[in-house]
Structures are given as structure tokens and as C-alpha cells.
PDB file of N, CA and C in Angstrom:
ATOM      1  N   UNK A   1       0.298   6.445  22.206  1.00  0.00           N
ATOM      2  CA  UNK A   1      -0.362   7.170  21.216  1.00  0.00           C
ATOM      3  C   UNK A   1       0.368   6.428  20.010  1.00  0.00           C
ATOM      4  N   UNK A   2      -0.339   6.374  18.775  1.00  0.00           N
ATOM      5  CA  UNK A   2       0.420   5.946  17.681  1.00  0.00           C
ATOM      6  C   UNK A   2       0.982   7.188  16.738  1.00  0.00           C
ATOM      7  N   UNK A   3       2.062   6.851  16.494  1.00  0.00           N
ATOM      8  CA  UNK A   3       2.931   7.659  15.641  1.00  0.00           C
ATOM      9  C   UNK A   3       2.283   7.963  14.501  1.00  0.00           C
ATOM     10  N   UNK A   4       2.350   8.966  13.784  1.00  0.00           N
ATOM     11  CA  UNK A   4       1.848   9.195  12.632  1.00  0.00           C
ATOM     12  C   UNK A   4       2.861   9.955  11.768  1.00  0.00           C
ATOM     13  N   UNK A   5       3.120   9.138  10.228  1.00  0.00           N
ATOM     14  CA  UNK A   5       4.186   9.767   9.442  1.00  0.00           C
ATOM     15  C   UNK A   5       3.717  10.030   8.603  1.00  0.00           C
ATOM     16  N   UNK A   6       4.521  10.820   7.580  1.00  0.00           N
ATOM     17  CA  UNK A   6       3.978  11.025   6.124  1.00  0.00           C
ATOM     18  C   UNK A   6       4.717   9.780   5.006  1.00  0.00           C
ATOM     19  N   UNK A   7       3.994   9.472   4.397  1.00  0.00           N
ATOM     20  CA  UNK A   7       4.605   8.238   3.108  1.00  0.00           C
ATOM     21  C   UNK A   7       5.700   8.935   2.706  1.00  0.00           C
ATOM     22  N   UNK A   8       6.847   8.229   2.545  1.00  0.00           N
ATOM     23  CA  UNK A   8       7.805   8.583   1.594  1.00  0.00           C
ATOM     24  C   UNK A   8       7.692   8.379   0.036  1.00  0.00           C
ATOM     25  N   UNK A   9       8.306   9.110  -0.733  1.00  0.00           N
ATOM     26  CA  UNK A   9       8.040   8.902  -2.306  1.00  0.00           C
ATOM     27  C   UNK A   9       8.462   7.558  -2.540  1.00  0.00           C
ATOM     28  N   UNK A  10       9.703   6.766  -2.027  1.00  0.00           N
ATOM     29  CA  UNK A  10       9.773   5.395  -2.189  1.00  0.00           C
ATOM     30  C   UNK A  10       9.251   4.467  -1.395  1.00  0.00           C
ATOM     31  N   UNK A  11       8.057   4.744  -0.326  1.00  0.00           N
ATOM     32  CA  UNK A  11       7.337   3.902   0.456  1.00  0.00           C
ATOM     33  C   UNK A  11       6.351   2.749  -0.852  1.00  0.00           C
ATOM     34  N   UNK A  12       6.529   1.288  -0.282  1.00  0.00           N
ATOM     35  CA  UNK A  12       5.597   0.601  -1.187  1.00  0.00           C
ATOM     36  C   UNK A  12       4.109   1.153  -1.152  1.00  0.00           C
ATOM     37  N   UNK A  13       3.418   0.498  -1.986  1.00  0.00           N
ATOM     38  CA  UNK A  13       1.625   0.576  -1.875  1.00  0.00           C
ATOM     39  C   UNK A  13       1.434  -0.754  -1.295  1.00  0.00           C
ATOM     40  N   UNK A  14       0.212  -1.089  -0.691  1.00  0.00           N
ATOM     41  CA  UNK A  14      -0.264  -2.197   0.085  1.00  0.00           C
ATOM     42  C   UNK A  14      -1.558  -1.545  -0.040  1.00  0.00           C
ATOM     43  N   UNK A  15      -2.221  -2.985  -0.740  1.00  0.00           N
ATOM     44  CA  UNK A  15      -3.663  -3.131  -1.252  1.00  0.00           C
ATOM     45  C   UNK A  15      -4.308  -4.327  -0.158  1.00  0.00           C
ATOM     46  N   UNK A  16      -5.752  -3.637   0.190  1.00  0.00           N
ATOM     47  CA  UNK A  16      -6.440  -4.660   1.385  1.00  0.00           C
ATOM     48  C   UNK A  16      -6.927  -5.372   0.324  1.00  0.00           C
ATOM     49  N   UNK A  17      -6.681  -6.697   1.146  1.00  0.00           N
ATOM     50  CA  UNK A  17      -7.330  -8.098   0.126  1.00  0.00           C
ATOM     51  C   UNK A  17      -8.771  -8.031   0.476  1.00  0.00           C
ATOM     52  N   UNK A  18      -9.501  -7.679   1.578  1.00  0.00           N
ATOM     53  CA  UNK A  18     -11.069  -7.272   1.301  1.00  0.00           C
ATOM     54  C   UNK A  18     -11.961  -6.326   0.828  1.00  0.00           C
ATOM     55  N   UNK A  19     -11.522  -5.089   1.132  1.00  0.00           N
ATOM     56  CA  UNK A  19     -11.796  -4.068   0.108  1.00  0.00           C
ATOM     57  C   UNK A  19     -11.402  -3.238  -1.024  1.00  0.00           C
ATOM     58  N   UNK A  20      -9.881  -3.943  -1.270  1.00  0.00           N
ATOM     59  CA  UNK A  20      -9.022  -3.183  -2.181  1.00  0.00           C
ATOM     60  C   UNK A  20      -8.619  -1.534  -1.869  1.00  0.00           C
ATOM     61  N   UNK A  21      -8.843  -1.127  -0.968  1.00  0.00           N
ATOM     62  CA  UNK A  21      -8.123  -0.023  -0.470  1.00  0.00           C
ATOM     63  C   UNK A  21      -6.745   0.163  -0.617  1.00  0.00           C
ATOM     64  N   UNK A  22      -5.941   0.999  -1.438  1.00  0.00           N
ATOM     65  CA  UNK A  22      -4.343   0.954  -1.562  1.00  0.00           C
ATOM     66  C   UNK A  22      -3.775   2.187  -0.754  1.00  0.00           C
ATOM     67  N   UNK A  23      -2.762   1.716   0.043  1.00  0.00           N
ATOM     68  CA  UNK A  23      -2.354   2.593   0.934  1.00  0.00           C
ATOM     69  C   UNK A  23      -0.735   2.533   1.205  1.00  0.00           C
ATOM     70  N   UNK A  24       0.083   3.581   1.276  1.00  0.00           N
ATOM     71  CA  UNK A  24       1.200   3.861   0.718  1.00  0.00           C
ATOM     72  C   UNK A  24       2.177   4.216   2.154  1.00  0.00           C
ATOM     73  N   UNK A  25       2.931   3.033   2.471  1.00  0.00           N
ATOM     74  CA  UNK A  25       3.619   3.531   3.640  1.00  0.00           C
ATOM     75  C   UNK A  25       4.816   2.312   3.817  1.00  0.00           C
ATOM     76  N   UNK A  26       5.652   2.591   4.593  1.00  0.00           N
ATOM     77  CA  UNK A  26       6.652   1.646   4.979  1.00  0.00           C
ATOM     78  C   UNK A  26       6.421  -0.115   5.264  1.00  0.00           C
ATOM     79  N   UNK A  27       5.468  -0.082   5.768  1.00  0.00           N
ATOM     80  CA  UNK A  27       5.082  -1.333   6.487  1.00  0.00           C
ATOM     81  C   UNK A  27       3.197  -1.214   6.090  1.00  0.00           C
ATOM     82  N   UNK A  28       2.747  -2.397   5.693  1.00  0.00           N
ATOM     83  CA  UNK A  28       1.219  -2.904   5.678  1.00  0.00           C
ATOM     84  C   UNK A  28       0.555  -2.251   7.134  1.00  0.00           C
ATOM     85  N   UNK A  29      -0.798  -1.609   7.094  1.00  0.00           N
ATOM     86  CA  UNK A  29      -1.303  -1.288   8.502  1.00  0.00           C
ATOM     87  C   UNK A  29      -1.632  -2.563   9.223  1.00  0.00           C
ATOM     88  N   UNK A  30      -2.099  -2.603  10.459  1.00  0.00           N
ATOM     89  CA  UNK A  30      -2.395  -3.602  11.344  1.00  0.00           C
ATOM     90  C   UNK A  30      -3.984  -3.846  10.871  1.00  0.00           C
ATOM     91  N   UNK A  31      -4.610  -2.342  10.900  1.00  0.00           N
ATOM     92  CA  UNK A  31      -6.099  -2.619  10.567  1.00  0.00           C
ATOM     93  C   UNK A  31      -6.010  -1.691   9.399  1.00  0.00           C
ATOM     94  N   UNK A  32      -7.207  -2.045   8.438  1.00  0.00           N
ATOM     95  CA  UNK A  32      -7.072  -1.273   7.439  1.00  0.00           C
ATOM     96  C   UNK A  32      -8.325   0.009   7.334  1.00  0.00           C
ATOM     97  N   UNK A  33      -7.645   1.183   6.983  1.00  0.00           N
ATOM     98  CA  UNK A  33      -8.307   2.640   7.196  1.00  0.00           C
ATOM     99  C   UNK A  33      -9.757   2.541   6.826  1.00  0.00           C
ATOM    100  N   UNK A  34     -10.151   1.738   5.710  1.00  0.00           N
ATOM    101  CA  UNK A  34     -10.941   1.871   5.027  1.00  0.00           C
ATOM    102  C   UNK A  34     -12.370   0.984   5.621  1.00  0.00           C
ATOM    103  N   UNK A  35     -11.890  -0.431   5.745  1.00  0.00           N
ATOM    104  CA  UNK A  35     -12.976  -1.176   6.313  1.00  0.00           C
ATOM    105  C   UNK A  35     -12.660  -1.554   7.788  1.00  0.00           C
ATOM    106  N   UNK A  36     -11.600  -1.005   8.302  1.00  0.00           N
ATOM    107  CA  UNK A  36     -11.623  -1.578   9.969  1.00  0.00           C
ATOM    108  C   UNK A  36     -11.505  -2.689  10.248  1.00  0.00           C
ATOM    109  N   UNK A  37     -10.808  -3.795   9.278  1.00  0.00           N
ATOM    110  CA  UNK A  37     -10.679  -5.040   9.167  1.00  0.00           C
ATOM    111  C   UNK A  37      -9.224  -5.462   9.883  1.00  0.00           C
ATOM    112  N   UNK A  38      -8.838  -6.620  10.274  1.00  0.00           N
ATOM    113  CA  UNK A  38      -7.397  -6.946  10.210  1.00  0.00           C
ATOM    114  C   UNK A  38      -7.134  -7.817   8.504  1.00  0.00           C
ATOM    115  N   UNK A  39      -6.748  -7.403   7.386  1.00  0.00           N
ATOM    116  CA  UNK A  39      -6.996  -7.959   6.262  1.00  0.00           C
ATOM    117  C   UNK A  39      -5.315  -8.203   6.015  1.00  0.00           C
ATOM    118  N   UNK A  40      -5.261  -9.307   5.000  1.00  0.00           N
ATOM    119  CA  UNK A  40      -4.044  -9.336   3.975  1.00  0.00           C
ATOM    120  C   UNK A  40      -3.741  -8.169   3.023  1.00  0.00           C
ATOM    121  N   UNK A  41      -2.367  -7.420   3.220  1.00  0.00           N
ATOM    122  CA  UNK A  41      -2.031  -6.567   2.398  1.00  0.00           C
ATOM    123  C   UNK A  41      -1.562  -6.835   1.643  1.00  0.00           C
ATOM    124  N   UNK A  42      -1.678  -6.954   0.117  1.00  0.00           N
ATOM    125  CA  UNK A  42      -0.577  -7.391  -0.848  1.00  0.00           C
ATOM    126  C   UNK A  42       0.079  -6.123  -1.341  1.00  0.00           C
ATOM    127  N   UNK A  43       1.804  -6.211  -1.485  1.00  0.00           N
ATOM    128  CA  UNK A  43       2.098  -4.965  -1.953  1.00  0.00           C
ATOM    129  C   UNK A  43       2.082  -5.111  -3.456  1.00  0.00           C
ATOM    130  N   UNK A  44       1.775  -3.745  -3.707  1.00  0.00           N
ATOM    131  CA  UNK A  44       1.217  -3.607  -5.380  1.00  0.00           C
ATOM    132  C   UNK A  44       1.803  -2.658  -5.898  1.00  0.00           C
ATOM    133  N   UNK A  45       3.100  -2.100  -5.267  1.00  0.00           N
ATOM    134  CA  UNK A  45       4.174  -1.298  -5.671  1.00  0.00           C
ATOM    135  C   UNK A  45       4.514  -1.656  -7.282  1.00  0.00           C
ATOM    136  N   UNK A  46       4.557  -0.931  -8.195  1.00  0.00           N
ATOM    137  CA  UNK A  46       5.556  -1.143  -9.454  1.00  0.00           C
ATOM    138  C   UNK A  46       6.898  -0.914  -9.603  1.00  0.00           C
ATOM    139  N   UNK A  47       7.260  -2.320  -9.569  1.00  0.00           N
ATOM    140  CA  UNK A  47       8.907  -2.109  -9.467  1.00  0.00           C
ATOM    141  C   UNK A  47       9.909  -2.009 -10.810  1.00  0.00           C
ATOM    142  N   UNK A  48       8.784  -2.113 -12.116  1.00  0.00           N
ATOM    143  CA  UNK A  48       9.367  -2.328 -13.323  1.00  0.00           C
ATOM    144  C   UNK A  48       9.085  -0.781 -14.224  1.00  0.00           C
ATOM    145  N   UNK A  49       9.998  -0.236 -14.867  1.00  0.00           N
ATOM    146  CA  UNK A  49       9.391   0.277 -15.784  1.00  0.00           C
ATOM    147  C   UNK A  49       8.215   0.279 -16.752  1.00  0.00           C
ATOM    148  N   UNK A  50       8.090  -0.697 -17.090  1.00  0.00           N
ATOM    149  CA  UNK A  50       7.023  -0.757 -18.153  1.00  0.00           C
ATOM    150  C   UNK A  50       5.657  -0.459 -17.490  1.00  0.00           C
ATOM    151  N   UNK A  51       5.519   0.154 -15.951  1.00  0.00           N
ATOM    152  CA  UNK A  51       4.385   0.240 -15.392  1.00  0.00           C
ATOM    153  C   UNK A  51       4.478   1.614 -14.634  1.00  0.00           C
ATOM    154  N   UNK A  52       5.679   2.022 -14.735  1.00  0.00           N
ATOM    155  CA  UNK A  52       5.889   3.116 -14.452  1.00  0.00           C
ATOM    156  C   UNK A  52       7.155   3.639 -13.061  1.00  0.00           C
ATOM    157  N   UNK A  53       7.455   2.619 -12.835  1.00  0.00           N
ATOM    158  CA  UNK A  53       8.452   2.346 -11.525  1.00  0.00           C
ATOM    159  C   UNK A  53       8.196   2.455 -10.520  1.00  0.00           C
ATOM    160  N   UNK A  54       9.084   2.620  -9.493  1.00  0.00           N
ATOM    161  CA  UNK A  54       9.064   2.350  -8.162  1.00  0.00           C
ATOM    162  C   UNK A  54       8.328   4.215  -7.872  1.00  0.00           C
ATOM    163  N   UNK A  55       7.244   4.152  -6.777  1.00  0.00           N
ATOM    164  CA  UNK A  55       6.533   5.390  -6.610  1.00  0.00           C
ATOM    165  C   UNK A  55       5.094   5.136  -7.328  1.00  0.00           C
ATOM    166  N   UNK A  56       4.802   4.298  -7.866  1.00  0.00           N
ATOM    167  CA  UNK A  56       3.584   3.816  -8.378  1.00  0.00           C
ATOM    168  C   UNK A  56       2.947   2.335  -8.568  1.00  0.00           C
ATOM    169  N   UNK A  57       1.686   2.849  -8.436  1.00  0.00           N
ATOM    170  CA  UNK A  57       0.979   1.387  -8.272  1.00  0.00           C
ATOM    171  C   UNK A  57       0.680   0.721  -9.621  1.00  0.00           C
ATOM    172  N   UNK A  58       1.264  -0.953  -9.540  1.00  0.00           N
ATOM    173  CA  UNK A  58       1.070  -1.652 -10.807  1.00  0.00           C
ATOM    174  C   UNK A  58      -0.345  -1.799 -10.637  1.00  0.00           C
ATOM    175  N   UNK A  59      -0.628  -1.632 -12.050  1.00  0.00           N
ATOM    176  CA  UNK A  59      -2.561  -1.567 -12.433  1.00  0.00           C
ATOM    177  C   UNK A  59      -2.774  -3.059 -12.343  1.00  0.00           C
ATOM    178  N   UNK A  60      -1.404  -3.921 -12.751  1.00  0.00           N
ATOM    179  CA  UNK A  60      -1.889  -5.663 -13.024  1.00  0.00           C
ATOM    180  C   UNK A  60      -2.319  -6.155 -11.692  1.00  0.00           C
ATOM    181  N   UNK A  61      -2.083  -5.518 -10.622  1.00  0.00           N
ATOM    182  CA  UNK A  61      -1.950  -6.240  -9.598  1.00  0.00           C
ATOM    183  C   UNK A  61      -3.283  -6.046  -8.841  1.00  0.00           C
TER     184      UNK A  61
END
């Protein structure tokens, strides 16, 4: 049985390369919770103050 965890406020955001769903977790999921596919996930966390800093999704990505 898979362990369920609550995302931490500093966990990165991951965006599905297929459907665009954004998920916050320490590591990207194996399968997208939205499209149920094995997708490439891109880290879209904002790391700079101009887009809100850590804990926000970078709208440029």
C-alpha cells in the first residue's frame, strides 16, 4: 500500500508534460493523477523573488 503524505510548504511543484496538471510533492509522481499516464514532469517551482519565491508556481514555465 502506498504511503500518503501531505505536501510540505517548501516541496517543489511538478507540471505534467502531457496534460499540464500541477502537483506539489517532494518528488514527481510515477503516474499523473489527472491523465493517469507515465509522463515527463517538469519542476515549475518559482525560485526567484520576482515570481513570488519558493512555494509558488513560476507562471513563466
